[in-house]
């Protein structure tokens, strides 16, 4: 597709993400925003054969390993996905040992909800008995990846279970979209928010999952049909300028870039891989163009909502502040690189 200065915008996104000028300290933590960013940077570095960017990834992990990794939870699992690929590229046993340690934690020790779902425990909250749609991206992709890397079918089967349990409780059969979360304790969907970025975790995560894992054809058919139903709903909710709202079904809520980028990436990649037919391409291209238009000359992606918890009030979602975030940069990077393949 034709996006003016596409290569330049990709370069700006990467530079903002990996530099620390002007107080940009967004990559200093070891958590889900950084994990999402690292994977996008890794995929881009691999495709572009960018040794400088690859070296940045090694330095990032080596500094943390020397310092000591933080506590384990669903969100802090996210960087492990990239580390598993760096191990495969280098055969560095210390990387594999860490991946195995964290895999054991999430498979054997992390708290679960009803039906074996991963409780969305974070650094500051147990979120007792709660399923969040974020979990599929930040933790389950890593499990699937390790199943393939270690030839462990139990990991592949666990990843399948997690997708099916999350779809069962978070998918809205009326709209085809996803609720942000579900509680097994009180048995409700909190505010019933059809949150943009939460939906984008499924759209973007699923296409990567199907590349990472060898799963039975029947399961793949089910997952893709759920994706198709979601995108059919999104097509009707996309704004004229290509953006999506932070509450997808509420045009009065602000338009949000990270969700739009996730949708652009997932849709365009699904079309390229043959998971969706060509009729979906226009939706993905409009979203990618809208994201590109919001890459500022500084490299910052504008209109990205900050971290968002589960709440009982939709006004909470409407009032989340907009600020630069690593996951916004990385989802934009994924979207624009994918758009360049169209």
C-alpha atoms as a PDB file:
ATOM      1  CA  UNK A   1       0.000   0.000   0.000  1.00  0.00           C
ATOM      2  CA  UNK A   2       1.106   3.585  -0.565  1.00  0.00           C
ATOM      3  CA  UNK A   3       1.994   5.348   2.694  1.00  0.00           C
ATOM      4  CA  UNK A   4       4.192   8.426   2.191  1.00  0.00           C
ATOM      5  CA  UNK A   5       7.632   8.091   3.781  1.00  0.00           C
ATOM      6  CA  UNK A   6       6.812   4.633   5.175  1.00  0.00           C
ATOM      7  CA  UNK A   7      10.456   3.673   5.685  1.00  0.00           C
ATOM      8  CA  UNK A   8      11.199   7.002   7.364  1.00  0.00           C
ATOM      9  CA  UNK A   9       8.273   6.591   9.767  1.00  0.00           C
ATOM     10  CA  UNK A  10       9.431   3.085  10.686  1.00  0.00           C
ATOM     11  CA  UNK A  11      12.893   4.469  11.393  1.00  0.00           C
ATOM     12  CA  UNK A  12      11.462   7.234  13.574  1.00  0.00           C
ATOM     13  CA  UNK A  13       9.437   4.730  15.620  1.00  0.00           C
ATOM     14  CA  UNK A  14      12.482   2.535  16.220  1.00  0.00           C
ATOM     15  CA  UNK A  15      14.722   5.441  17.151  1.00  0.00           C
ATOM     16  CA  UNK A  16      12.224   6.827  19.683  1.00  0.00           C
ATOM     17  CA  UNK A  17      11.814   3.390  21.191  1.00  0.00           C
ATOM     18  CA  UNK A  18      15.489   2.627  21.641  1.00  0.00           C
ATOM     19  CA  UNK A  19      16.923   6.016  22.588  1.00  0.00           C
ATOM     20  CA  UNK A  20      16.835   7.756  25.960  1.00  0.00           C
ATOM     21  CA  UNK A  21      17.139  11.382  24.903  1.00  0.00           C
ATOM     22  CA  UNK A  22      14.645  13.920  26.219  1.00  0.00           C
ATOM     23  CA  UNK A  23      13.760  11.846  29.225  1.00  0.00           C
ATOM     24  CA  UNK A  24      12.480   8.844  27.291  1.00  0.00           C
ATOM     25  CA  UNK A  25      12.875   6.083  29.893  1.00  0.00           C
ATOM     26  CA  UNK A  26      10.073   3.825  28.714  1.00  0.00           C
ATOM     27  CA  UNK A  27      12.279   0.760  28.151  1.00  0.00           C
ATOM     28  CA  UNK A  28      13.830   0.711  31.609  1.00  0.00           C
ATOM     29  CA  UNK A  29      11.246  -1.583  33.201  1.00  0.00           C
ATOM     30  CA  UNK A  30      10.814  -5.341  32.783  1.00  0.00           C
ATOM     31  CA  UNK A  31       7.097  -5.662  32.206  1.00  0.00           C
ATOM     32  CA  UNK A  32       4.458  -6.130  29.533  1.00  0.00           C
ATOM     33  CA  UNK A  33       4.903  -2.773  27.709  1.00  0.00           C
ATOM     34  CA  UNK A  34       8.590  -3.510  27.242  1.00  0.00           C
ATOM     35  CA  UNK A  35       7.873  -7.148  26.342  1.00  0.00           C
ATOM     36  CA  UNK A  36       5.512  -6.171  23.534  1.00  0.00           C
ATOM     37  CA  UNK A  37       8.050  -3.622  22.307  1.00  0.00           C
ATOM     38  CA  UNK A  38      10.950  -6.074  22.361  1.00  0.00           C
ATOM     39  CA  UNK A  39       9.119  -8.580  20.182  1.00  0.00           C
ATOM     40  CA  UNK A  40       8.234  -5.953  17.586  1.00  0.00           C
ATOM     41  CA  UNK A  41      11.815  -4.705  17.537  1.00  0.00           C
ATOM     42  CA  UNK A  42      13.105  -8.281  17.198  1.00  0.00           C
ATOM     43  CA  UNK A  43      10.852  -9.078  14.238  1.00  0.00           C
ATOM     44  CA  UNK A  44      11.840  -5.848  12.516  1.00  0.00           C
ATOM     45  CA  UNK A  45      15.556  -6.356  13.198  1.00  0.00           C
ATOM     46  CA  UNK A  46      15.377  -9.892  11.817  1.00  0.00           C
ATOM     47  CA  UNK A  47      13.626  -8.862   8.631  1.00  0.00           C
ATOM     48  CA  UNK A  48      15.719  -5.732   8.073  1.00  0.00           C
ATOM     49  CA  UNK A  49      18.954  -7.541   9.044  1.00  0.00           C
ATOM     50  CA  UNK A  50      19.632  -4.639  11.392  1.00  0.00           C
ATOM     51  CA  UNK A  51      22.614  -5.672  13.526  1.00  0.00           C
ATOM     52  CA  UNK A  52      22.556  -2.441  15.535  1.00  0.00           C
ATOM     53  CA  UNK A  53      18.991  -3.118  16.619  1.00  0.00           C
ATOM     54  CA  UNK A  54      19.766  -6.767  17.348  1.00  0.00           C
ATOM     55  CA  UNK A  55      22.705  -5.708  19.516  1.00  0.00           C
ATOM     56  CA  UNK A  56      20.364  -3.371  21.404  1.00  0.00           C
ATOM     57  CA  UNK A  57      18.131  -6.336  22.251  1.00  0.00           C
ATOM     58  CA  UNK A  58      21.055  -8.375  23.547  1.00  0.00           C
ATOM     59  CA  UNK A  59      22.244  -5.467  25.688  1.00  0.00           C
ATOM     60  CA  UNK A  60      18.742  -4.942  27.076  1.00  0.00           C
ATOM     61  CA  UNK A  61      18.436  -8.522  28.252  1.00  0.00           C
ATOM     62  CA  UNK A  62      22.039  -8.865  29.433  1.00  0.00           C
ATOM     63  CA  UNK A  63      21.715  -5.766  31.624  1.00  0.00           C
ATOM     64  CA  UNK A  64      18.605  -7.183  33.248  1.00  0.00           C
ATOM     65  CA  UNK A  65      20.143 -10.629  33.718  1.00  0.00           C
ATOM     66  CA  UNK A  66      23.168  -9.058  35.402  1.00  0.00           C
ATOM     67  CA  UNK A  67      20.914  -6.912  37.579  1.00  0.00           C
ATOM     68  CA  UNK A  68      18.507  -9.736  38.405  1.00  0.00           C
ATOM     69  CA  UNK A  69      15.095 -10.303  36.875  1.00  0.00           C
ATOM     70  CA  UNK A  70      12.005  -9.047  38.713  1.00  0.00           C
ATOM     71  CA  UNK A  71       9.194 -11.098  40.204  1.00  0.00           C
ATOM     72  CA  UNK A  72       7.129 -13.345  37.974  1.00  0.00           C
ATOM     73  CA  UNK A  73       3.542 -12.627  36.975  1.00  0.00           C
ATOM     74  CA  UNK A  74       1.415 -12.685  33.825  1.00  0.00           C
ATOM     75  CA  UNK A  75       2.612  -9.279  32.608  1.00  0.00           C
ATOM     76  CA  UNK A  76       6.305  -9.777  33.331  1.00  0.00           C
ATOM     77  CA  UNK A  77       6.210 -12.939  31.181  1.00  0.00           C
ATOM     78  CA  UNK A  78       6.024 -10.781  28.046  1.00  0.00           C
ATOM     79  CA  UNK A  79       9.794 -10.235  27.490  1.00  0.00           C
ATOM     80  CA  UNK A  80      10.370 -14.005  27.588  1.00  0.00           C
ATOM     81  CA  UNK A  81       8.959 -14.429  24.089  1.00  0.00           C
ATOM     82  CA  UNK A  82      11.792 -12.398  22.580  1.00  0.00           C
ATOM     83  CA  UNK A  83      14.384 -14.061  24.799  1.00  0.00           C
ATOM     84  CA  UNK A  84      13.318 -17.458  23.440  1.00  0.00           C
ATOM     85  CA  UNK A  85      14.108 -16.266  19.921  1.00  0.00           C
ATOM     86  CA  UNK A  86      17.441 -14.790  20.984  1.00  0.00           C
ATOM     87  CA  UNK A  87      18.314 -18.176  22.494  1.00  0.00           C
ATOM     88  CA  UNK A  88      17.456 -19.923  19.238  1.00  0.00           C
ATOM     89  CA  UNK A  89      19.651 -17.477  17.315  1.00  0.00           C
ATOM     90  CA  UNK A  90      22.645 -17.830  19.641  1.00  0.00           C
ATOM     91  CA  UNK A  91      22.207 -21.163  21.506  1.00  0.00           C
ATOM     92  CA  UNK A  92      23.214 -19.267  24.639  1.00  0.00           C
ATOM     93  CA  UNK A  93      22.357 -21.703  27.414  1.00  0.00           C
ATOM     94  CA  UNK A  94      21.834 -19.017  30.049  1.00  0.00           C
ATOM     95  CA  UNK A  95      18.974 -17.638  27.945  1.00  0.00           C
ATOM     96  CA  UNK A  96      17.376 -21.055  27.644  1.00  0.00           C
ATOM     97  CA  UNK A  97      17.689 -21.672  31.384  1.00  0.00           C
ATOM     98  CA  UNK A  98      15.782 -18.461  32.123  1.00  0.00           C
ATOM     99  CA  UNK A  99      13.094 -19.318  29.595  1.00  0.00           C
ATOM    100  CA  UNK A 100      12.659 -22.768  31.157  1.00  0.00           C
ATOM    101  CA  UNK A 101      12.473 -21.302  34.658  1.00  0.00           C
ATOM    102  CA  UNK A 102       9.763 -18.829  33.673  1.00  0.00           C
ATOM    103  CA  UNK A 103       7.910 -21.461  31.664  1.00  0.00           C
ATOM    104  CA  UNK A 104       7.809 -23.707  34.737  1.00  0.00           C
ATOM    105  CA  UNK A 105       6.391 -20.848  36.759  1.00  0.00           C
ATOM    106  CA  UNK A 106       3.537 -20.015  34.399  1.00  0.00           C
ATOM    107  CA  UNK A 107       2.688 -23.664  33.755  1.00  0.00           C
ATOM    108  CA  UNK A 108       2.975 -25.002  37.314  1.00  0.00           C
ATOM    109  CA  UNK A 109       2.899 -22.191  39.881  1.00  0.00           C
ATOM    110  CA  UNK A 110       0.891 -19.246  38.578  1.00  0.00           C
ATOM    111  CA  UNK A 111      -2.645 -18.986  40.057  1.00  0.00           C
ATOM    112  CA  UNK A 112      -5.556 -20.029  37.875  1.00  0.00           C
ATOM    113  CA  UNK A 113      -9.214 -19.199  37.552  1.00  0.00           C
ATOM    114  CA  UNK A 114     -12.085 -21.567  36.981  1.00  0.00           C
ATOM    115  CA  UNK A 115     -11.568 -23.934  34.058  1.00  0.00           C
ATOM    116  CA  UNK A 116      -7.810 -23.533  34.316  1.00  0.00           C
ATOM    117  CA  UNK A 117      -7.493 -20.027  32.891  1.00  0.00           C
ATOM    118  CA  UNK A 118      -4.509 -17.948  33.927  1.00  0.00           C
ATOM    119  CA  UNK A 119      -5.490 -15.441  36.589  1.00  0.00           C
ATOM    120  CA  UNK A 120      -4.309 -12.019  35.444  1.00  0.00           C
ATOM    121  CA  UNK A 121      -1.976 -11.491  38.371  1.00  0.00           C
ATOM    122  CA  UNK A 122       0.253  -8.420  37.963  1.00  0.00           C
ATOM    123  CA  UNK A 123       3.010  -6.684  39.885  1.00  0.00           C
ATOM    124  CA  UNK A 124       0.538  -4.742  42.018  1.00  0.00           C
ATOM    125  CA  UNK A 125      -2.657  -6.818  42.097  1.00  0.00           C
ATOM    126  CA  UNK A 126      -3.674 -10.478  42.313  1.00  0.00           C
ATOM    127  CA  UNK A 127      -6.847  -9.760  40.307  1.00  0.00           C
ATOM    128  CA  UNK A 128      -8.376 -12.782  41.990  1.00  0.00           C
ATOM    129  CA  UNK A 129     -10.363 -15.120  39.698  1.00  0.00           C
ATOM    130  CA  UNK A 130     -10.127 -12.655  36.795  1.00  0.00           C
ATOM    131  CA  UNK A 131      -9.545 -13.347  33.099  1.00  0.00           C
ATOM    132  CA  UNK A 132      -8.224 -10.439  31.007  1.00  0.00           C
ATOM    133  CA  UNK A 133      -7.911 -10.455  27.224  1.00  0.00           C
ATOM    134  CA  UNK A 134      -4.342  -9.082  27.544  1.00  0.00           C
ATOM    135  CA  UNK A 135      -3.145 -12.462  28.877  1.00  0.00           C
ATOM    136  CA  UNK A 136      -3.254 -14.208  25.529  1.00  0.00           C
ATOM    137  CA  UNK A 137      -0.666 -11.833  24.095  1.00  0.00           C
ATOM    138  CA  UNK A 138       1.637 -11.278  27.051  1.00  0.00           C
ATOM    139  CA  UNK A 139       1.868 -14.856  28.359  1.00  0.00           C
ATOM    140  CA  UNK A 140       0.255 -17.477  26.135  1.00  0.00           C
ATOM    141  CA  UNK A 141       2.301 -16.685  23.018  1.00  0.00           C
ATOM    142  CA  UNK A 142       5.424 -17.508  25.037  1.00  0.00           C
ATOM    143  CA  UNK A 143       3.997 -20.855  26.144  1.00  0.00           C
ATOM    144  CA  UNK A 144       3.156 -21.789  22.560  1.00  0.00           C
ATOM    145  CA  UNK A 145       6.597 -20.698  21.425  1.00  0.00           C
ATOM    146  CA  UNK A 146       8.326 -22.841  24.065  1.00  0.00           C
ATOM    147  CA  UNK A 147       6.165 -25.804  23.134  1.00  0.00           C
ATOM    148  CA  UNK A 148       7.542 -25.646  19.617  1.00  0.00           C
ATOM    149  CA  UNK A 149      11.103 -24.844  20.686  1.00  0.00           C
ATOM    150  CA  UNK A 150      11.298 -27.675  23.237  1.00  0.00           C
ATOM    151  CA  UNK A 151       8.976 -30.051  21.364  1.00  0.00           C
ATOM    152  CA  UNK A 152       6.663 -30.089  24.404  1.00  0.00           C
ATOM    153  CA  UNK A 153       3.134 -30.958  23.425  1.00  0.00           C
ATOM    154  CA  UNK A 154       1.866 -30.121  26.923  1.00  0.00           C
ATOM    155  CA  UNK A 155       2.753 -26.469  26.266  1.00  0.00           C
ATOM    156  CA  UNK A 156       0.947 -26.468  22.933  1.00  0.00           C
ATOM    157  CA  UNK A 157      -2.130 -28.040  24.523  1.00  0.00           C
ATOM    158  CA  UNK A 158      -2.026 -25.505  27.360  1.00  0.00           C
ATOM    159  CA  UNK A 159      -1.883 -22.647  24.879  1.00  0.00           C
ATOM    160  CA  UNK A 160      -4.938 -24.063  23.105  1.00  0.00           C
ATOM    161  CA  UNK A 161      -6.813 -24.344  26.395  1.00  0.00           C
ATOM    162  CA  UNK A 162      -6.015 -20.738  27.284  1.00  0.00           C
ATOM    163  CA  UNK A 163      -7.298 -19.424  23.960  1.00  0.00           C
ATOM    164  CA  UNK A 164     -10.495 -21.451  24.233  1.00  0.00           C
ATOM    165  CA  UNK A 165     -11.189 -20.515  27.870  1.00  0.00           C
ATOM    166  CA  UNK A 166     -10.581 -16.830  27.202  1.00  0.00           C
ATOM    167  CA  UNK A 167     -12.799 -16.881  24.120  1.00  0.00           C
ATOM    168  CA  UNK A 168     -15.531 -18.722  26.024  1.00  0.00           C
ATOM    169  CA  UNK A 169     -15.744 -16.073  28.736  1.00  0.00           C
ATOM    170  CA  UNK A 170     -14.654 -12.889  26.949  1.00  0.00           C
ATOM    171  CA  UNK A 171     -16.181 -13.178  23.485  1.00  0.00           C
ATOM    172  CA  UNK A 172     -19.493 -11.350  23.104  1.00  0.00           C
ATOM    173  CA  UNK A 173     -21.789 -13.454  20.898  1.00  0.00           C
ATOM    174  CA  UNK A 174     -23.986 -10.430  20.176  1.00  0.00           C
ATOM    175  CA  UNK A 175     -21.342  -8.139  18.658  1.00  0.00           C
ATOM    176  CA  UNK A 176     -18.533 -10.584  17.872  1.00  0.00           C
ATOM    177  CA  UNK A 177     -16.116  -8.415  19.876  1.00  0.00           C
ATOM    178  CA  UNK A 178     -14.312  -9.126  23.153  1.00  0.00           C
ATOM    179  CA  UNK A 179     -15.048  -7.867  26.632  1.00  0.00           C
ATOM    180  CA  UNK A 180     -12.046  -6.613  28.581  1.00  0.00           C
ATOM    181  CA  UNK A 181     -12.417  -9.120  31.405  1.00  0.00           C
ATOM    182  CA  UNK A 182     -14.472 -11.652  33.348  1.00  0.00           C
ATOM    183  CA  UNK A 183     -14.587 -12.561  37.029  1.00  0.00           C
ATOM    184  CA  UNK A 184     -15.303 -16.119  38.092  1.00  0.00           C
ATOM    185  CA  UNK A 185     -15.895 -14.818  41.623  1.00  0.00           C
ATOM    186  CA  UNK A 186     -18.763 -12.402  40.874  1.00  0.00           C
ATOM    187  CA  UNK A 187     -19.556 -13.762  37.410  1.00  0.00           C
ATOM    188  CA  UNK A 188     -19.779 -10.590  35.337  1.00  0.00           C
ATOM    189  CA  UNK A 189     -17.862  -8.615  32.702  1.00  0.00           C
ATOM    190  CA  UNK A 190     -17.238  -5.592  34.974  1.00  0.00           C
ATOM    191  CA  UNK A 191     -18.265  -2.508  32.949  1.00  0.00           C
ATOM    192  CA  UNK A 192     -19.003  -4.651  29.909  1.00  0.00           C
ATOM    193  CA  UNK A 193     -16.396  -2.607  28.061  1.00  0.00           C
ATOM    194  CA  UNK A 194     -15.640  -3.579  24.469  1.00  0.00           C
ATOM    195  CA  UNK A 195     -12.215  -2.044  24.899  1.00  0.00           C
ATOM    196  CA  UNK A 196     -10.221  -1.262  21.772  1.00  0.00           C
ATOM    197  CA  UNK A 197      -6.717  -2.324  22.760  1.00  0.00           C
ATOM    198  CA  UNK A 198      -8.004  -5.435  24.505  1.00  0.00           C
ATOM    199  CA  UNK A 199      -9.656  -6.501  21.264  1.00  0.00           C
ATOM    200  CA  UNK A 200      -6.438  -5.720  19.396  1.00  0.00           C
ATOM    201  CA  UNK A 201      -4.524  -8.168  21.591  1.00  0.00           C
ATOM    202  CA  UNK A 202      -6.635 -10.927  20.062  1.00  0.00           C
ATOM    203  CA  UNK A 203      -6.393  -9.612  16.495  1.00  0.00           C
ATOM    204  CA  UNK A 204      -2.618  -9.109  16.579  1.00  0.00           C
ATOM    205  CA  UNK A 205      -1.866 -12.019  18.884  1.00  0.00           C
ATOM    206  CA  UNK A 206      -3.796 -14.654  16.990  1.00  0.00           C
ATOM    207  CA  UNK A 207      -1.908 -14.267  13.721  1.00  0.00           C
ATOM    208  CA  UNK A 208       1.397 -14.539  15.582  1.00  0.00           C
ATOM    209  CA  UNK A 209       0.091 -17.499  17.594  1.00  0.00           C
ATOM    210  CA  UNK A 210      -0.775 -19.410  14.440  1.00  0.00           C
ATOM    211  CA  UNK A 211       2.809 -18.903  13.247  1.00  0.00           C
ATOM    212  CA  UNK A 212       4.319 -19.904  16.595  1.00  0.00           C
ATOM    213  CA  UNK A 213       2.328 -23.068  17.255  1.00  0.00           C
ATOM    214  CA  UNK A 214       1.390 -26.178  15.327  1.00  0.00           C
ATOM    215  CA  UNK A 215      -2.208 -26.734  16.370  1.00  0.00           C
ATOM    216  CA  UNK A 216      -4.945 -29.088  15.104  1.00  0.00           C
ATOM    217  CA  UNK A 217      -6.804 -27.866  12.040  1.00  0.00           C
ATOM    218  CA  UNK A 218     -10.160 -27.899  13.813  1.00  0.00           C
ATOM    219  CA  UNK A 219      -8.845 -25.574  16.531  1.00  0.00           C
ATOM    220  CA  UNK A 220      -7.318 -23.298  13.909  1.00  0.00           C
ATOM    221  CA  UNK A 221     -10.653 -23.128  12.077  1.00  0.00           C
ATOM    222  CA  UNK A 222     -12.396 -22.120  15.307  1.00  0.00           C
ATOM    223  CA  UNK A 223      -9.854 -19.419  16.171  1.00  0.00           C
ATOM    224  CA  UNK A 224      -9.912 -17.939  12.675  1.00  0.00           C
ATOM    225  CA  UNK A 225     -13.711 -17.919  12.568  1.00  0.00           C
ATOM    226  CA  UNK A 226     -13.672 -15.967  15.836  1.00  0.00           C
ATOM    227  CA  UNK A 227     -11.223 -13.533  14.244  1.00  0.00           C
ATOM    228  CA  UNK A 228     -13.409 -13.166  11.165  1.00  0.00           C
ATOM    229  CA  UNK A 229     -16.467 -12.439  13.293  1.00  0.00           C
ATOM    230  CA  UNK A 230     -14.490  -9.812  15.205  1.00  0.00           C
ATOM    231  CA  UNK A 231     -13.223  -8.092  12.052  1.00  0.00           C
ATOM    232  CA  UNK A 232     -16.709  -8.065  10.549  1.00  0.00           C
ATOM    233  CA  UNK A 233     -17.810  -6.055  13.585  1.00  0.00           C
ATOM    234  CA  UNK A 234     -14.761  -3.788  13.442  1.00  0.00           C
ATOM    235  CA  UNK A 235     -15.395  -2.889   9.808  1.00  0.00           C
ATOM    236  CA  UNK A 236     -18.672  -1.287  10.854  1.00  0.00           C
ATOM    237  CA  UNK A 237     -17.057   0.636  13.731  1.00  0.00           C
ATOM    238  CA  UNK A 238     -14.027   2.065  11.939  1.00  0.00           C
ATOM    239  CA  UNK A 239     -14.082   5.856  11.741  1.00  0.00           C
ATOM    240  CA  UNK A 240     -13.894   7.553   8.369  1.00  0.00           C
ATOM    241  CA  UNK A 241     -10.250   8.496   9.041  1.00  0.00           C
ATOM    242  CA  UNK A 242      -9.326   4.827   9.633  1.00  0.00           C
ATOM    243  CA  UNK A 243      -9.094   5.018  13.418  1.00  0.00           C
ATOM    244  CA  UNK A 244     -10.937   3.025  16.082  1.00  0.00           C
ATOM    245  CA  UNK A 245     -12.341   4.318  19.356  1.00  0.00           C
ATOM    246  CA  UNK A 246     -11.037   3.227  22.748  1.00  0.00           C
ATOM    247  CA  UNK A 247     -14.569   1.905  23.442  1.00  0.00           C
ATOM    248  CA  UNK A 248     -15.240   0.350  20.084  1.00  0.00           C
ATOM    249  CA  UNK A 249     -19.000   0.765  20.179  1.00  0.00           C
ATOM    250  CA  UNK A 250     -18.909   4.330  21.557  1.00  0.00           C
ATOM    251  CA  UNK A 251     -18.097   7.006  18.941  1.00  0.00           C
ATOM    252  CA  UNK A 252     -18.038   9.539  21.784  1.00  0.00           C
ATOM    253  CA  UNK A 253     -14.931   7.934  23.280  1.00  0.00           C
ATOM    254  CA  UNK A 254     -11.606   9.122  21.890  1.00  0.00           C
ATOM    255  CA  UNK A 255      -9.842   7.522  18.948  1.00  0.00           C
ATOM    256  CA  UNK A 256      -6.857   5.438  20.031  1.00  0.00           C
ATOM    257  CA  UNK A 257      -3.673   4.595  18.150  1.00  0.00           C
ATOM    258  CA  UNK A 258      -2.397   1.403  19.779  1.00  0.00           C
ATOM    259  CA  UNK A 259      -5.672  -0.430  19.174  1.00  0.00           C
ATOM    260  CA  UNK A 260      -5.816   0.868  15.613  1.00  0.00           C
ATOM    261  CA  UNK A 261      -2.252  -0.327  15.028  1.00  0.00           C
ATOM    262  CA  UNK A 262      -2.995  -3.762  16.455  1.00  0.00           C
ATOM    263  CA  UNK A 263      -6.000  -4.120  14.193  1.00  0.00           C
ATOM    264  CA  UNK A 264      -4.014  -2.953  11.154  1.00  0.00           C
ATOM    265  CA  UNK A 265      -1.253  -5.473  11.843  1.00  0.00           C
ATOM    266  CA  UNK A 266      -3.537  -8.391  12.584  1.00  0.00           C
ATOM    267  CA  UNK A 267      -5.854  -7.817   9.628  1.00  0.00           C
ATOM    268  CA  UNK A 268      -3.126  -7.211   7.042  1.00  0.00           C
ATOM    269  CA  UNK A 269      -1.075 -10.161   8.213  1.00  0.00           C
ATOM    270  CA  UNK A 270      -4.144 -12.417   8.284  1.00  0.00           C
ATOM    271  CA  UNK A 271      -4.886 -11.448   4.675  1.00  0.00           C
ATOM    272  CA  UNK A 272      -1.267 -12.062   3.639  1.00  0.00           C
ATOM    273  CA  UNK A 273      -1.277 -15.492   5.302  1.00  0.00           C
ATOM    274  CA  UNK A 274      -4.582 -16.445   3.708  1.00  0.00           C
ATOM    275  CA  UNK A 275      -6.480 -16.551   7.003  1.00  0.00           C
ATOM    276  CA  UNK A 276      -8.811 -13.795   5.768  1.00  0.00           C
ATOM    277  CA  UNK A 277      -9.782 -13.048   2.177  1.00  0.00           C
ATOM    278  CA  UNK A 278      -8.956  -9.906   0.223  1.00  0.00           C
ATOM    279  CA  UNK A 279     -12.226  -8.190   1.158  1.00  0.00           C
ATOM    280  CA  UNK A 280     -10.704  -7.372   4.559  1.00  0.00           C
ATOM    281  CA  UNK A 281      -7.606  -5.641   3.201  1.00  0.00           C
ATOM    282  CA  UNK A 282      -9.176  -2.180   2.909  1.00  0.00           C
ATOM    283  CA  UNK A 283     -10.014  -2.097   6.625  1.00  0.00           C
ATOM    284  CA  UNK A 284      -6.413  -2.957   7.522  1.00  0.00           C
ATOM    285  CA  UNK A 285      -4.927  -0.477   5.070  1.00  0.00           C
ATOM    286  CA  UNK A 286      -7.110   2.391   6.300  1.00  0.00           C
ATOM    287  CA  UNK A 287      -6.042   1.619   9.858  1.00  0.00           C
ATOM    288  CA  UNK A 288      -2.350   1.465   8.914  1.00  0.00           C
ATOM    289  CA  UNK A 289      -2.561   4.806   7.091  1.00  0.00           C
ATOM    290  CA  UNK A 290      -4.220   6.383  10.139  1.00  0.00           C
ATOM    291  CA  UNK A 291      -1.419   5.098  12.371  1.00  0.00           C
ATOM    292  CA  UNK A 292       1.276   6.382  10.009  1.00  0.00           C
ATOM    293  CA  UNK A 293      -0.354   9.813  10.080  1.00  0.00           C
ATOM    294  CA  UNK A 294       0.087   9.885  13.868  1.00  0.00           C
ATOM    295  CA  UNK A 295       3.833   9.223  13.888  1.00  0.00           C
ATOM    296  CA  UNK A 296       5.240  12.595  14.928  1.00  0.00           C
ATOM    297  CA  UNK A 297       8.552  13.987  13.591  1.00  0.00           C
ATOM    298  CA  UNK A 298      10.073  13.095  16.978  1.00  0.00           C
ATOM    299  CA  UNK A 299       9.163   9.427  16.373  1.00  0.00           C
ATOM    300  CA  UNK A 300       6.533   9.407  19.096  1.00  0.00           C
ATOM    301  CA  UNK A 301       3.203   7.798  18.233  1.00  0.00           C
ATOM    302  CA  UNK A 302       0.424  10.179  19.216  1.00  0.00           C
ATOM    303  CA  UNK A 303      -2.968   9.328  20.741  1.00  0.00           C
ATOM    304  CA  UNK A 304      -1.933   6.218  22.691  1.00  0.00           C
ATOM    305  CA  UNK A 305      -3.887   5.441  25.860  1.00  0.00           C
ATOM    306  CA  UNK A 306      -1.997   4.585  29.037  1.00  0.00           C
ATOM    307  CA  UNK A 307      -2.219   1.274  30.893  1.00  0.00           C
ATOM    308  CA  UNK A 308      -5.822   0.291  31.559  1.00  0.00           C
ATOM    309  CA  UNK A 309      -7.156  -1.910  34.358  1.00  0.00           C
ATOM    310  CA  UNK A 310     -10.569  -3.542  34.732  1.00  0.00           C
ATOM    311  CA  UNK A 311     -13.238  -1.276  36.178  1.00  0.00           C
ATOM    312  CA  UNK A 312     -17.005  -1.185  36.646  1.00  0.00           C
ATOM    313  CA  UNK A 313     -17.532   2.179  34.935  1.00  0.00           C
ATOM    314  CA  UNK A 314     -17.101   2.903  31.220  1.00  0.00           C
ATOM    315  CA  UNK A 315     -16.178   6.492  32.046  1.00  0.00           C
ATOM    316  CA  UNK A 316     -12.940   5.078  33.468  1.00  0.00           C
ATOM    317  CA  UNK A 317     -12.001   3.959  29.938  1.00  0.00           C
ATOM    318  CA  UNK A 318     -13.063   7.250  28.417  1.00  0.00           C
ATOM    319  CA  UNK A 319     -10.786   9.147  30.800  1.00  0.00           C
ATOM    320  CA  UNK A 320      -7.575   7.120  30.533  1.00  0.00           C
ATOM    321  CA  UNK A 321      -4.883   9.700  29.671  1.00  0.00           C
ATOM    322  CA  UNK A 322      -3.032   9.699  26.360  1.00  0.00           C
ATOM    323  CA  UNK A 323       0.748   9.435  26.596  1.00  0.00           C
ATOM    324  CA  UNK A 324       3.761   7.879  24.816  1.00  0.00           C
ATOM    325  CA  UNK A 325       3.998   4.144  25.571  1.00  0.00           C
ATOM    326  CA  UNK A 326       6.325   1.355  24.360  1.00  0.00           C
ATOM    327  CA  UNK A 327       3.443  -0.863  23.270  1.00  0.00           C
ATOM    328  CA  UNK A 328       2.026   1.950  21.142  1.00  0.00           C
ATOM    329  CA  UNK A 329       5.346   2.394  19.377  1.00  0.00           C
ATOM    330  CA  UNK A 330       5.741  -1.341  18.866  1.00  0.00           C
ATOM    331  CA  UNK A 331       2.238  -1.983  17.584  1.00  0.00           C
ATOM    332  CA  UNK A 332       2.701   0.884  15.137  1.00  0.00           C
ATOM    333  CA  UNK A 333       6.021  -0.611  14.053  1.00  0.00           C
ATOM    334  CA  UNK A 334       4.392  -3.996  13.429  1.00  0.00           C
ATOM    335  CA  UNK A 335       1.534  -2.377  11.511  1.00  0.00           C
ATOM    336  CA  UNK A 336       3.722  -0.258   9.245  1.00  0.00           C
ATOM    337  CA  UNK A 337       6.196  -3.044   8.502  1.00  0.00           C
ATOM    338  CA  UNK A 338       3.276  -5.305   7.602  1.00  0.00           C
ATOM    339  CA  UNK A 339       1.723  -2.547   5.482  1.00  0.00           C
ATOM    340  CA  UNK A 340       4.969  -2.385   3.528  1.00  0.00           C
ATOM    341  CA  UNK A 341       4.484  -6.001   2.490  1.00  0.00           C
ATOM    342  CA  UNK A 342       1.091  -5.331   0.924  1.00  0.00           C
END
